[in-house]
């Protein structure tokens, strides 16, 4: 009877163990607040599995939005493990929202990390 109970506990624990590896954190090298419209925001995106291990092979995507306008910018790998680079351009002045999809699709753990809105200045 004890073996049957132990087997049942092991079987129930398997789905939880499989999900344990499916999350990541995102760190940005800078924030675009106060930039001028039309100027490139060259940002490094660091993706860390469990907040510690550099994640190679992720496909981060930065999205910016203002009202109905939404643009996406793919981040590409750098020579640093888990670090990706993107060139983002806010086309007009105003308050913009931005988010980073971490691209960590293994284990179904990919998520979009959102940030506070930023104010983009008029181009000079």
PDB file of N, CA and C in Angstrom:
ATOM      1  N   UNK A   1       0.819  -1.191   0.000  1.00  0.00           N
ATOM      2  CA  UNK A   1       0.000   0.000   0.000  1.00  0.00           C
ATOM      3  C   UNK A   1       0.864   1.257   0.000  1.00  0.00           C
ATOM      4  N   UNK A   2       1.978   1.227   0.781  1.00  0.00           N
ATOM      5  CA  UNK A   2       2.873   2.385   0.837  1.00  0.00           C
ATOM      6  C   UNK A   2       3.479   2.663  -0.533  1.00  0.00           C
ATOM      7  N   UNK A   3       3.816   1.599  -1.275  1.00  0.00           N
ATOM      8  CA  UNK A   3       4.399   1.772  -2.608  1.00  0.00           C
ATOM      9  C   UNK A   3       3.402   2.433  -3.560  1.00  0.00           C
ATOM     10  N   UNK A   4       2.161   2.049  -3.468  1.00  0.00           N
ATOM     11  CA  UNK A   4       1.131   2.626  -4.318  1.00  0.00           C
ATOM     12  C   UNK A   4       0.957   4.113  -4.009  1.00  0.00           C
ATOM     13  N   UNK A   5       0.966   4.466  -2.733  1.00  0.00           N
ATOM     14  CA  UNK A   5       0.838   5.873  -2.336  1.00  0.00           C
ATOM     15  C   UNK A   5       2.050   6.669  -2.817  1.00  0.00           C
ATOM     16  N   UNK A   6       3.246   6.099  -2.699  1.00  0.00           N
ATOM     17  CA  UNK A   6       4.455   6.770  -3.153  1.00  0.00           C
ATOM     18  C   UNK A   6       4.421   6.970  -4.667  1.00  0.00           C
ATOM     19  N   UNK A   7       3.984   5.960  -5.399  1.00  0.00           N
ATOM     20  CA  UNK A   7       3.876   6.055  -6.850  1.00  0.00           C
ATOM     21  C   UNK A   7       2.880   7.161  -7.237  1.00  0.00           C
ATOM     22  N   UNK A   8       1.790   7.237  -6.547  1.00  0.00           N
ATOM     23  CA  UNK A   8       0.793   8.270  -6.832  1.00  0.00           C
ATOM     24  C   UNK A   8       1.379   9.660  -6.605  1.00  0.00           C
ATOM     25  N   UNK A   9       2.158   9.850  -5.549  1.00  0.00           N
ATOM     26  CA  UNK A   9       2.793  11.144  -5.281  1.00  0.00           C
ATOM     27  C   UNK A   9       3.796  11.510  -6.371  1.00  0.00           C
ATOM     28  N   UNK A  10       4.573  10.540  -6.825  1.00  0.00           N
ATOM     29  CA  UNK A  10       5.555  10.789  -7.889  1.00  0.00           C
ATOM     30  C   UNK A  10       4.858  11.194  -9.173  1.00  0.00           C
ATOM     31  N   UNK A  11       3.797  10.502  -9.542  1.00  0.00           N
ATOM     32  CA  UNK A  11       3.064  10.807 -10.773  1.00  0.00           C
ATOM     33  C   UNK A  11       2.450  12.201 -10.701  1.00  0.00           C
ATOM     34  N   UNK A  12       1.913  12.577  -9.552  1.00  0.00           N
ATOM     35  CA  UNK A  12       1.314  13.911  -9.404  1.00  0.00           C
ATOM     36  C   UNK A  12       2.369  15.008  -9.450  1.00  0.00           C
ATOM     37  N   UNK A  13       3.571  14.723  -9.007  1.00  0.00           N
ATOM     38  CA  UNK A  13       4.635  15.723  -8.968  1.00  0.00           C
ATOM     39  C   UNK A  13       5.254  15.971 -10.343  1.00  0.00           C
ATOM     40  N   UNK A  14       5.135  15.058 -11.277  1.00  0.00           N
ATOM     41  CA  UNK A  14       5.754  15.211 -12.589  1.00  0.00           C
ATOM     42  C   UNK A  14       5.328  16.475 -13.329  1.00  0.00           C
ATOM     43  N   UNK A  15       4.046  16.807 -13.444  1.00  0.00           N
ATOM     44  CA  UNK A  15       3.686  18.038 -14.152  1.00  0.00           C
ATOM     45  C   UNK A  15       4.273  19.284 -13.497  1.00  0.00           C
ATOM     46  N   UNK A  16       4.310  19.340 -12.195  1.00  0.00           N
ATOM     47  CA  UNK A  16       4.889  20.489 -11.497  1.00  0.00           C
ATOM     48  C   UNK A  16       6.378  20.602 -11.780  1.00  0.00           C
ATOM     49  N   UNK A  17       7.069  19.478 -11.800  1.00  0.00           N
ATOM     50  CA  UNK A  17       8.503  19.506 -12.082  1.00  0.00           C
ATOM     51  C   UNK A  17       8.769  19.969 -13.502  1.00  0.00           C
ATOM     52  N   UNK A  18       7.923  19.561 -14.434  1.00  0.00           N
ATOM     53  CA  UNK A  18       8.109  19.959 -15.826  1.00  0.00           C
ATOM     54  C   UNK A  18       7.929  21.460 -15.998  1.00  0.00           C
ATOM     55  N   UNK A  19       7.067  22.088 -15.211  1.00  0.00           N
ATOM     56  CA  UNK A  19       6.813  23.522 -15.327  1.00  0.00           C
ATOM     57  C   UNK A  19       7.858  24.356 -14.575  1.00  0.00           C
ATOM     58  N   UNK A  20       8.663  23.747 -13.733  1.00  0.00           N
ATOM     59  CA  UNK A  20       9.587  24.489 -12.887  1.00  0.00           C
ATOM     60  C   UNK A  20      10.606  25.305 -13.672  1.00  0.00           C
ATOM     61  N   UNK A  21      10.962  24.909 -14.878  1.00  0.00           N
ATOM     62  CA  UNK A  21      11.997  25.607 -15.626  1.00  0.00           C
ATOM     63  C   UNK A  21      11.495  26.684 -16.559  1.00  0.00           C
ATOM     64  N   UNK A  22      10.205  26.990 -16.561  1.00  0.00           N
ATOM     65  CA  UNK A  22       9.636  27.823 -17.598  1.00  0.00           C
ATOM     66  C   UNK A  22       9.429  29.285 -17.293  1.00  0.00           C
ATOM     67  N   UNK A  23      10.391  29.973 -16.723  1.00  0.00           N
ATOM     68  CA  UNK A  23      10.226  31.419 -16.566  1.00  0.00           C
ATOM     69  C   UNK A  23      11.574  32.117 -16.685  1.00  0.00           C
ATOM     70  N   UNK A  24      11.502  33.371 -17.078  1.00  0.00           N
ATOM     71  CA  UNK A  24      12.720  34.158 -17.277  1.00  0.00           C
ATOM     72  C   UNK A  24      12.479  35.595 -16.844  1.00  0.00           C
ATOM     73  N   UNK A  25      13.573  36.286 -16.569  1.00  0.00           N
ATOM     74  CA  UNK A  25      13.510  37.722 -16.288  1.00  0.00           C
ATOM     75  C   UNK A  25      14.148  38.465 -17.447  1.00  0.00           C
ATOM     76  N   UNK A  26      13.823  39.738 -17.559  1.00  0.00           N
ATOM     77  CA  UNK A  26      14.377  40.589 -18.606  1.00  0.00           C
ATOM     78  C   UNK A  26      14.961  41.836 -17.953  1.00  0.00           C
ATOM     79  N   UNK A  27      16.173  42.181 -18.342  1.00  0.00           N
ATOM     80  CA  UNK A  27      16.819  43.416 -17.883  1.00  0.00           C
ATOM     81  C   UNK A  27      17.159  44.245 -19.111  1.00  0.00           C
ATOM     82  N   UNK A  28      16.935  45.544 -19.019  1.00  0.00           N
ATOM     83  CA  UNK A  28      17.241  46.447 -20.121  1.00  0.00           C
ATOM     84  C   UNK A  28      18.433  47.313 -19.760  1.00  0.00           C
ATOM     85  N   UNK A  29      19.265  47.630 -20.742  1.00  0.00           N
ATOM     86  CA  UNK A  29      20.459  48.434 -20.494  1.00  0.00           C
ATOM     87  C   UNK A  29      20.129  49.911 -20.291  1.00  0.00           C
ATOM     88  N   UNK A  30      18.962  50.336 -20.752  1.00  0.00           N
ATOM     89  CA  UNK A  30      18.551  51.735 -20.580  1.00  0.00           C
ATOM     90  C   UNK A  30      17.046  51.843 -20.727  1.00  0.00           C
ATOM     91  N   UNK A  31      16.535  53.021 -20.419  1.00  0.00           N
ATOM     92  CA  UNK A  31      15.109  53.326 -20.530  1.00  0.00           C
ATOM     93  C   UNK A  31      14.965  54.468 -21.534  1.00  0.00           C
ATOM     94  N   UNK A  32      13.959  54.422 -22.402  1.00  0.00           N
ATOM     95  CA  UNK A  32      13.848  55.444 -23.453  1.00  0.00           C
ATOM     96  C   UNK A  32      13.204  56.762 -23.028  1.00  0.00           C
ATOM     97  N   UNK A  33      12.866  56.927 -21.780  1.00  0.00           N
ATOM     98  CA  UNK A  33      12.177  58.141 -21.334  1.00  0.00           C
ATOM     99  C   UNK A  33      12.989  59.393 -21.657  1.00  0.00           C
ATOM    100  N   UNK A  34      12.345  60.375 -22.287  1.00  0.00           N
ATOM    101  CA  UNK A  34      13.001  61.636 -22.615  1.00  0.00           C
ATOM    102  C   UNK A  34      13.730  61.645 -23.940  1.00  0.00           C
ATOM    103  N   UNK A  35      13.694  60.550 -24.669  1.00  0.00           N
ATOM    104  CA  UNK A  35      14.338  60.518 -25.992  1.00  0.00           C
ATOM    105  C   UNK A  35      13.563  61.405 -26.954  1.00  0.00           C
ATOM    106  N   UNK A  36      14.177  61.704 -28.070  1.00  0.00           N
ATOM    107  CA  UNK A  36      13.521  62.484 -29.124  1.00  0.00           C
ATOM    108  C   UNK A  36      12.958  61.546 -30.184  1.00  0.00           C
ATOM    109  N   UNK A  37      11.821  61.919 -30.734  1.00  0.00           N
ATOM    110  CA  UNK A  37      11.204  61.136 -31.805  1.00  0.00           C
ATOM    111  C   UNK A  37      12.177  61.007 -32.968  1.00  0.00           C
ATOM    112  N   UNK A  38      12.205  59.843 -33.572  1.00  0.00           N
ATOM    113  CA  UNK A  38      13.080  59.592 -34.706  1.00  0.00           C
ATOM    114  C   UNK A  38      14.496  59.207 -34.337  1.00  0.00           C
ATOM    115  N   UNK A  39      14.833  59.280 -33.068  1.00  0.00           N
ATOM    116  CA  UNK A  39      16.163  58.912 -32.590  1.00  0.00           C
ATOM    117  C   UNK A  39      16.168  57.426 -32.216  1.00  0.00           C
ATOM    118  N   UNK A  40      17.249  56.739 -32.517  1.00  0.00           N
ATOM    119  CA  UNK A  40      17.334  55.306 -32.201  1.00  0.00           C
ATOM    120  C   UNK A  40      17.607  55.086 -30.717  1.00  0.00           C
ATOM    121  N   UNK A  41      16.840  54.208 -30.128  1.00  0.00           N
ATOM    122  CA  UNK A  41      17.094  53.700 -28.776  1.00  0.00           C
ATOM    123  C   UNK A  41      17.784  52.358 -28.983  1.00  0.00           C
ATOM    124  N   UNK A  42      19.106  52.354 -28.811  1.00  0.00           N
ATOM    125  CA  UNK A  42      19.896  51.130 -28.937  1.00  0.00           C
ATOM    126  C   UNK A  42      19.967  50.501 -27.560  1.00  0.00           C
ATOM    127  N   UNK A  43      19.246  49.425 -27.387  1.00  0.00           N
ATOM    128  CA  UNK A  43      19.097  48.825 -26.067  1.00  0.00           C
ATOM    129  C   UNK A  43      19.563  47.378 -26.077  1.00  0.00           C
ATOM    130  N   UNK A  44      20.202  46.988 -24.987  1.00  0.00           N
ATOM    131  CA  UNK A  44      20.564  45.586 -24.782  1.00  0.00           C
ATOM    132  C   UNK A  44      19.502  44.963 -23.873  1.00  0.00           C
ATOM    133  N   UNK A  45      19.060  43.783 -24.249  1.00  0.00           N
ATOM    134  CA  UNK A  45      18.058  43.032 -23.504  1.00  0.00           C
ATOM    135  C   UNK A  45      18.741  41.782 -22.965  1.00  0.00           C
ATOM    136  N   UNK A  46      18.784  41.651 -21.652  1.00  0.00           N
ATOM    137  CA  UNK A  46      19.378  40.468 -21.035  1.00  0.00           C
ATOM    138  C   UNK A  46      18.245  39.572 -20.564  1.00  0.00           C
ATOM    139  N   UNK A  47      18.232  38.332 -21.056  1.00  0.00           N
ATOM    140  CA  UNK A  47      17.204  37.362 -20.686  1.00  0.00           C
ATOM    141  C   UNK A  47      17.870  36.300 -19.816  1.00  0.00           C
ATOM    142  N   UNK A  48      17.348  36.145 -18.596  1.00  0.00           N
ATOM    143  CA  UNK A  48      17.920  35.202 -17.638  1.00  0.00           C
ATOM    144  C   UNK A  48      16.877  34.184 -17.194  1.00  0.00           C
ATOM    145  N   UNK A  49      17.164  32.904 -17.406  1.00  0.00           N
ATOM    146  CA  UNK A  49      16.276  31.860 -16.906  1.00  0.00           C
ATOM    147  C   UNK A  49      16.389  31.825 -15.393  1.00  0.00           C
ATOM    148  N   UNK A  50      15.259  31.828 -14.718  1.00  0.00           N
ATOM    149  CA  UNK A  50      15.178  31.868 -13.254  1.00  0.00           C
ATOM    150  C   UNK A  50      15.856  33.111 -12.676  1.00  0.00           C
ATOM    151  N   UNK A  51      16.058  34.131 -13.507  1.00  0.00           N
ATOM    152  CA  UNK A  51      16.693  35.352 -13.038  1.00  0.00           C
ATOM    153  C   UNK A  51      18.192  35.220 -12.836  1.00  0.00           C
ATOM    154  N   UNK A  52      18.791  34.089 -13.248  1.00  0.00           N
ATOM    155  CA  UNK A  52      20.215  33.852 -12.990  1.00  0.00           C
ATOM    156  C   UNK A  52      21.008  33.380 -14.205  1.00  0.00           C
ATOM    157  N   UNK A  53      20.490  32.422 -14.943  1.00  0.00           N
ATOM    158  CA  UNK A  53      21.241  31.788 -16.019  1.00  0.00           C
ATOM    159  C   UNK A  53      20.984  32.481 -17.356  1.00  0.00           C
ATOM    160  N   UNK A  54      22.039  32.984 -18.020  1.00  0.00           N
ATOM    161  CA  UNK A  54      21.848  33.613 -19.337  1.00  0.00           C
ATOM    162  C   UNK A  54      21.151  32.655 -20.294  1.00  0.00           C
ATOM    163  N   UNK A  55      20.121  33.135 -20.950  1.00  0.00           N
ATOM    164  CA  UNK A  55      19.314  32.296 -21.821  1.00  0.00           C
ATOM    165  C   UNK A  55      19.713  32.489 -23.280  1.00  0.00           C
ATOM    166  N   UNK A  56      20.306  31.453 -23.841  1.00  0.00           N
ATOM    167  CA  UNK A  56      20.737  31.461 -25.240  1.00  0.00           C
ATOM    168  C   UNK A  56      19.599  30.894 -26.079  1.00  0.00           C
ATOM    169  N   UNK A  57      19.377  31.468 -27.250  1.00  0.00           N
ATOM    170  CA  UNK A  57      18.365  30.947 -28.150  1.00  0.00           C
ATOM    171  C   UNK A  57      16.989  31.558 -27.975  1.00  0.00           C
ATOM    172  N   UNK A  58      16.854  32.515 -27.070  1.00  0.00           N
ATOM    173  CA  UNK A  58      15.568  33.209 -26.926  1.00  0.00           C
ATOM    174  C   UNK A  58      15.390  34.135 -28.125  1.00  0.00           C
ATOM    175  N   UNK A  59      14.183  34.577 -28.337  1.00  0.00           N
ATOM    176  CA  UNK A  59      13.898  35.487 -29.447  1.00  0.00           C
ATOM    177  C   UNK A  59      13.116  36.690 -28.914  1.00  0.00           C
ATOM    178  N   UNK A  60      13.802  37.589 -28.194  1.00  0.00           N
ATOM    179  CA  UNK A  60      13.106  38.744 -27.615  1.00  0.00           C
ATOM    180  C   UNK A  60      12.555  39.683 -28.692  1.00  0.00           C
ATOM    181  N   UNK A  61      11.433  40.296 -28.359  1.00  0.00           N
ATOM    182  CA  UNK A  61      10.777  41.229 -29.256  1.00  0.00           C
ATOM    183  C   UNK A  61      10.311  42.433 -28.428  1.00  0.00           C
ATOM    184  N   UNK A  62      10.721  43.624 -28.837  1.00  0.00           N
ATOM    185  CA  UNK A  62      10.291  44.840 -28.154  1.00  0.00           C
ATOM    186  C   UNK A  62       9.139  45.438 -28.948  1.00  0.00           C
ATOM    187  N   UNK A  63       8.046  45.723 -28.258  1.00  0.00           N
ATOM    188  CA  UNK A  63       6.928  46.388 -28.911  1.00  0.00           C
ATOM    189  C   UNK A  63       6.722  47.754 -28.266  1.00  0.00           C
ATOM    190  N   UNK A  64       6.378  48.726 -29.095  1.00  0.00           N
ATOM    191  CA  UNK A  64       6.045  50.061 -28.597  1.00  0.00           C
ATOM    192  C   UNK A  64       4.656  50.387 -29.121  1.00  0.00           C
ATOM    193  N   UNK A  65       3.889  51.136 -28.336  1.00  0.00           N
ATOM    194  CA  UNK A  65       2.540  51.475 -28.775  1.00  0.00           C
ATOM    195  C   UNK A  65       2.125  52.843 -28.248  1.00  0.00           C
ATOM    196  N   UNK A  66       1.335  53.499 -29.091  1.00  0.00           N
ATOM    197  CA  UNK A  66       0.758  54.802 -28.755  1.00  0.00           C
ATOM    198  C   UNK A  66      -0.613  54.819 -29.412  1.00  0.00           C
ATOM    199  N   UNK A  67      -1.661  54.747 -28.606  1.00  0.00           N
ATOM    200  CA  UNK A  67      -3.004  54.639 -29.168  1.00  0.00           C
ATOM    201  C   UNK A  67      -3.119  53.357 -29.977  1.00  0.00           C
ATOM    202  N   UNK A  68      -3.613  53.458 -31.199  1.00  0.00           N
ATOM    203  CA  UNK A  68      -3.780  52.286 -32.063  1.00  0.00           C
ATOM    204  C   UNK A  68      -2.488  51.902 -32.787  1.00  0.00           C
ATOM    205  N   UNK A  69      -1.487  52.778 -32.748  1.00  0.00           N
ATOM    206  CA  UNK A  69      -0.220  52.501 -33.453  1.00  0.00           C
ATOM    207  C   UNK A  69       0.635  51.550 -32.612  1.00  0.00           C
ATOM    208  N   UNK A  70       1.093  50.480 -33.251  1.00  0.00           N
ATOM    209  CA  UNK A  70       1.929  49.495 -32.564  1.00  0.00           C
ATOM    210  C   UNK A  70       3.045  49.063 -33.506  1.00  0.00           C
ATOM    211  N   UNK A  71       4.286  49.094 -33.009  1.00  0.00           N
ATOM    212  CA  UNK A  71       5.449  48.689 -33.798  1.00  0.00           C
ATOM    213  C   UNK A  71       6.237  47.642 -33.023  1.00  0.00           C
ATOM    214  N   UNK A  72       6.898  46.743 -33.748  1.00  0.00           N
ATOM    215  CA  UNK A  72       7.690  45.688 -33.111  1.00  0.00           C
ATOM    216  C   UNK A  72       9.112  45.704 -33.664  1.00  0.00           C
ATOM    217  N   UNK A  73      10.059  45.403 -32.773  1.00  0.00           N
ATOM    218  CA  UNK A  73      11.482  45.405 -33.113  1.00  0.00           C
ATOM    219  C   UNK A  73      12.116  44.140 -32.540  1.00  0.00           C
ATOM    220  N   UNK A  74      12.691  43.330 -33.416  1.00  0.00           N
ATOM    221  CA  UNK A  74      13.334  42.084 -33.008  1.00  0.00           C
ATOM    222  C   UNK A  74      14.700  42.384 -32.387  1.00  0.00           C
ATOM    223  N   UNK A  75      15.011  41.722 -31.300  1.00  0.00           N
ATOM    224  CA  UNK A  75      16.335  41.827 -30.678  1.00  0.00           C
ATOM    225  C   UNK A  75      17.173  40.647 -31.175  1.00  0.00           C
ATOM    226  N   UNK A  76      18.405  40.919 -31.553  1.00  0.00           N
ATOM    227  CA  UNK A  76      19.284  39.879 -32.082  1.00  0.00           C
ATOM    228  C   UNK A  76      20.398  39.563 -31.083  1.00  0.00           C
ATOM    229  N   UNK A  77      20.910  38.342 -31.122  1.00  0.00           N
ATOM    230  CA  UNK A  77      21.945  37.943 -30.168  1.00  0.00           C
ATOM    231  C   UNK A  77      23.231  38.764 -30.326  1.00  0.00           C
ATOM    232  N   UNK A  78      23.890  39.006 -29.204  1.00  0.00           N
ATOM    233  CA  UNK A  78      25.215  39.617 -29.195  1.00  0.00           C
ATOM    234  C   UNK A  78      26.215  38.504 -28.889  1.00  0.00           C
ATOM    235  N   UNK A  79      27.448  38.860 -28.705  1.00  0.00           N
ATOM    236  CA  UNK A  79      28.467  37.861 -28.348  1.00  0.00           C
ATOM    237  C   UNK A  79      28.371  37.439 -26.885  1.00  0.00           C
ATOM    238  N   UNK A  80      27.647  38.227 -26.083  1.00  0.00           N
ATOM    239  CA  UNK A  80      27.450  37.890 -24.667  1.00  0.00           C
ATOM    240  C   UNK A  80      26.289  36.913 -24.542  1.00  0.00           C
ATOM    241  N   UNK A  81      26.486  35.850 -23.786  1.00  0.00           N
ATOM    242  CA  UNK A  81      25.422  34.865 -23.597  1.00  0.00           C
ATOM    243  C   UNK A  81      24.211  35.506 -22.929  1.00  0.00           C
ATOM    244  N   UNK A  82      23.044  35.289 -23.512  1.00  0.00           N
ATOM    245  CA  UNK A  82      21.804  35.786 -22.941  1.00  0.00           C
ATOM    246  C   UNK A  82      21.542  37.260 -23.176  1.00  0.00           C
ATOM    247  N   UNK A  83      22.414  37.926 -23.935  1.00  0.00           N
ATOM    248  CA  UNK A  83      22.251  39.361 -24.198  1.00  0.00           C
ATOM    249  C   UNK A  83      21.921  39.569 -25.670  1.00  0.00           C
ATOM    250  N   UNK A  84      20.876  40.358 -25.898  1.00  0.00           N
ATOM    251  CA  UNK A  84      20.379  40.622 -27.244  1.00  0.00           C
ATOM    252  C   UNK A  84      20.352  42.137 -27.441  1.00  0.00           C
ATOM    253  N   UNK A  85      20.439  42.582 -28.679  1.00  0.00           N
ATOM    254  CA  UNK A  85      20.470  44.009 -28.976  1.00  0.00           C
ATOM    255  C   UNK A  85      19.314  44.357 -29.912  1.00  0.00           C
ATOM    256  N   UNK A  86      18.679  45.505 -29.648  1.00  0.00           N
ATOM    257  CA  UNK A  86      17.608  45.980 -30.519  1.00  0.00           C
ATOM    258  C   UNK A  86      17.803  47.466 -30.790  1.00  0.00           C
ATOM    259  N   UNK A  87      17.371  47.877 -31.963  1.00  0.00           N
ATOM    260  CA  UNK A  87      17.371  49.290 -32.349  1.00  0.00           C
ATOM    261  C   UNK A  87      15.907  49.680 -32.498  1.00  0.00           C
ATOM    262  N   UNK A  88      15.426  50.509 -31.581  1.00  0.00           N
ATOM    263  CA  UNK A  88      14.019  50.895 -31.528  1.00  0.00           C
ATOM    264  C   UNK A  88      13.910  52.382 -31.840  1.00  0.00           C
ATOM    265  N   UNK A  89      12.956  52.744 -32.691  1.00  0.00           N
ATOM    266  CA  UNK A  89      12.743  54.150 -33.034  1.00  0.00           C
ATOM    267  C   UNK A  89      11.285  54.506 -32.764  1.00  0.00           C
ATOM    268  N   UNK A  90      11.074  55.498 -31.899  1.00  0.00           N
ATOM    269  CA  UNK A  90       9.747  56.031 -31.651  1.00  0.00           C
ATOM    270  C   UNK A  90       9.497  57.086 -32.724  1.00  0.00           C
ATOM    271  N   UNK A  91       8.519  56.888 -33.601  1.00  0.00           N
ATOM    272  CA  UNK A  91       8.363  57.771 -34.755  1.00  0.00           C
ATOM    273  C   UNK A  91       7.804  59.161 -34.460  1.00  0.00           C
ATOM    274  N   UNK A  92       7.068  59.300 -33.369  1.00  0.00           N
ATOM    275  CA  UNK A  92       6.465  60.598 -33.046  1.00  0.00           C
ATOM    276  C   UNK A  92       6.606  60.895 -31.565  1.00  0.00           C
ATOM    277  N   UNK A  93       6.445  62.160 -31.234  1.00  0.00           N
ATOM    278  CA  UNK A  93       6.488  62.584 -29.831  1.00  0.00           C
ATOM    279  C   UNK A  93       5.209  62.139 -29.118  1.00  0.00           C
ATOM    280  N   UNK A  94       5.273  62.118 -27.806  1.00  0.00           N
ATOM    281  CA  UNK A  94       4.096  61.787 -27.006  1.00  0.00           C
ATOM    282  C   UNK A  94       4.404  60.702 -26.001  1.00  0.00           C
ATOM    283  N   UNK A  95       3.357  60.217 -25.379  1.00  0.00           N
ATOM    284  CA  UNK A  95       3.494  59.157 -24.377  1.00  0.00           C
ATOM    285  C   UNK A  95       3.354  57.804 -25.055  1.00  0.00           C
ATOM    286  N   UNK A  96       4.373  56.998 -24.901  1.00  0.00           N
ATOM    287  CA  UNK A  96       4.424  55.672 -25.506  1.00  0.00           C
ATOM    288  C   UNK A  96       4.515  54.605 -24.421  1.00  0.00           C
ATOM    289  N   UNK A  97       3.945  53.458 -24.708  1.00  0.00           N
ATOM    290  CA  UNK A  97       4.103  52.279 -23.855  1.00  0.00           C
ATOM    291  C   UNK A  97       5.092  51.348 -24.553  1.00  0.00           C
ATOM    292  N   UNK A  98       5.816  50.576 -23.765  1.00  0.00           N
ATOM    293  CA  UNK A  98       6.708  49.584 -24.358  1.00  0.00           C
ATOM    294  C   UNK A  98       6.717  48.322 -23.517  1.00  0.00           C
ATOM    295  N   UNK A  99       7.026  47.214 -24.185  1.00  0.00           N
ATOM    296  CA  UNK A  99       7.035  45.908 -23.539  1.00  0.00           C
ATOM    297  C   UNK A  99       8.076  45.036 -24.228  1.00  0.00           C
ATOM    298  N   UNK A 100       8.531  44.014 -23.514  1.00  0.00           N
ATOM    299  CA  UNK A 100       9.494  43.064 -24.073  1.00  0.00           C
ATOM    300  C   UNK A 100       8.947  41.653 -23.910  1.00  0.00           C
ATOM    301  N   UNK A 101       8.744  40.994 -25.045  1.00  0.00           N
ATOM    302  CA  UNK A 101       8.411  39.572 -25.054  1.00  0.00           C
ATOM    303  C   UNK A 101       9.748  38.844 -24.927  1.00  0.00           C
ATOM    304  N   UNK A 102       9.914  38.021 -23.892  1.00  0.00           N
ATOM    305  CA  UNK A 102      11.233  37.420 -23.640  1.00  0.00           C
ATOM    306  C   UNK A 102      11.614  36.319 -24.628  1.00  0.00           C
ATOM    307  N   UNK A 103      10.657  35.749 -25.342  1.00  0.00           N
ATOM    308  CA  UNK A 103      10.975  34.738 -26.341  1.00  0.00           C
ATOM    309  C   UNK A 103      11.411  33.396 -25.780  1.00  0.00           C
ATOM    310  N   UNK A 104      11.206  33.183 -24.501  1.00  0.00           N
ATOM    311  CA  UNK A 104      11.597  31.924 -23.863  1.00  0.00           C
ATOM    312  C   UNK A 104      10.442  30.933 -24.011  1.00  0.00           C
ATOM    313  N   UNK A 105      10.401  30.264 -25.156  1.00  0.00           N
ATOM    314  CA  UNK A 105       9.261  29.410 -25.474  1.00  0.00           C
ATOM    315  C   UNK A 105       9.366  27.994 -24.907  1.00  0.00           C
ATOM    316  N   UNK A 106      10.561  27.614 -24.472  1.00  0.00           N
ATOM    317  CA  UNK A 106      10.722  26.278 -23.899  1.00  0.00           C
ATOM    318  C   UNK A 106       9.866  26.174 -22.644  1.00  0.00           C
ATOM    319  N   UNK A 107       9.207  25.066 -22.452  1.00  0.00           N
ATOM    320  CA  UNK A 107       8.320  24.793 -21.317  1.00  0.00           C
ATOM    321  C   UNK A 107       7.069  25.673 -21.330  1.00  0.00           C
ATOM    322  N   UNK A 108       6.826  26.412 -22.399  1.00  0.00           N
ATOM    323  CA  UNK A 108       5.635  27.250 -22.470  1.00  0.00           C
ATOM    324  C   UNK A 108       5.675  28.452 -21.535  1.00  0.00           C
ATOM    325  N   UNK A 109       6.882  28.895 -21.167  1.00  0.00           N
ATOM    326  CA  UNK A 109       6.999  29.950 -20.167  1.00  0.00           C
ATOM    327  C   UNK A 109       7.188  31.351 -20.714  1.00  0.00           C
ATOM    328  N   UNK A 110       7.127  31.551 -22.019  1.00  0.00           N
ATOM    329  CA  UNK A 110       7.354  32.886 -22.577  1.00  0.00           C
ATOM    330  C   UNK A 110       6.323  33.864 -22.043  1.00  0.00           C
ATOM    331  N   UNK A 111       6.791  35.070 -21.768  1.00  0.00           N
ATOM    332  CA  UNK A 111       5.867  36.084 -21.271  1.00  0.00           C
ATOM    333  C   UNK A 111       6.292  37.456 -21.752  1.00  0.00           C
ATOM    334  N   UNK A 112       5.359  38.389 -21.711  1.00  0.00           N
ATOM    335  CA  UNK A 112       5.630  39.766 -22.085  1.00  0.00           C
ATOM    336  C   UNK A 112       5.812  40.586 -20.811  1.00  0.00           C
ATOM    337  N   UNK A 113       6.941  41.267 -20.727  1.00  0.00           N
ATOM    338  CA  UNK A 113       7.271  42.097 -19.569  1.00  0.00           C
ATOM    339  C   UNK A 113       6.910  43.537 -19.921  1.00  0.00           C
ATOM    340  N   UNK A 114       6.072  44.156 -19.126  1.00  0.00           N
ATOM    341  CA  UNK A 114       5.615  45.509 -19.421  1.00  0.00           C
ATOM    342  C   UNK A 114       6.313  46.520 -18.513  1.00  0.00           C
ATOM    343  N   UNK A 115       6.398  47.742 -18.998  1.00  0.00           N
ATOM    344  CA  UNK A 115       7.092  48.814 -18.287  1.00  0.00           C
ATOM    345  C   UNK A 115       6.204  50.052 -18.250  1.00  0.00           C
ATOM    346  N   UNK A 116       6.564  50.974 -17.390  1.00  0.00           N
ATOM    347  CA  UNK A 116       5.806  52.216 -17.264  1.00  0.00           C
ATOM    348  C   UNK A 116       5.899  53.015 -18.573  1.00  0.00           C
ATOM    349  N   UNK A 117       4.840  53.734 -18.928  1.00  0.00           N
ATOM    350  CA  UNK A 117       4.891  54.562 -20.150  1.00  0.00           C
ATOM    351  C   UNK A 117       6.022  55.579 -20.076  1.00  0.00           C
ATOM    352  N   UNK A 118       6.505  55.968 -21.249  1.00  0.00           N
ATOM    353  CA  UNK A 118       7.586  56.955 -21.332  1.00  0.00           C
ATOM    354  C   UNK A 118       7.143  58.123 -22.198  1.00  0.00           C
ATOM    355  N   UNK A 119       7.765  59.263 -21.971  1.00  0.00           N
ATOM    356  CA  UNK A 119       7.472  60.464 -22.736  1.00  0.00           C
ATOM    357  C   UNK A 119       8.575  60.670 -23.761  1.00  0.00           C
ATOM    358  N   UNK A 120       8.195  60.730 -25.025  1.00  0.00           N
ATOM    359  CA  UNK A 120       9.132  60.954 -26.117  1.00  0.00           C
ATOM    360  C   UNK A 120       8.975  62.405 -26.567  1.00  0.00           C
ATOM    361  N   UNK A 121      10.098  63.112 -26.679  1.00  0.00           N
ATOM    362  CA  UNK A 121      10.084  64.539 -27.042  1.00  0.00           C
ATOM    363  C   UNK A 121       9.983  64.726 -28.551  1.00  0.00           C
ATOM    364  N   UNK A 122       9.640  65.940 -28.949  1.00  0.00           N
ATOM    365  CA  UNK A 122       9.601  66.305 -30.365  1.00  0.00           C
ATOM    366  C   UNK A 122      11.005  66.187 -30.967  1.00  0.00           C
ATOM    367  N   UNK A 123      11.049  65.803 -32.224  1.00  0.00           N
ATOM    368  CA  UNK A 123      12.332  65.753 -32.942  1.00  0.00           C
ATOM    369  C   UNK A 123      12.831  67.187 -33.132  1.00  0.00           C
ATOM    370  N   UNK A 124      14.121  67.358 -33.189  1.00  0.00           N
ATOM    371  CA  UNK A 124      14.663  68.726 -33.379  1.00  0.00           C
ATOM    372  C   UNK A 124      15.001  68.990 -34.820  1.00  0.00           C
TER     373      UNK A 124
END
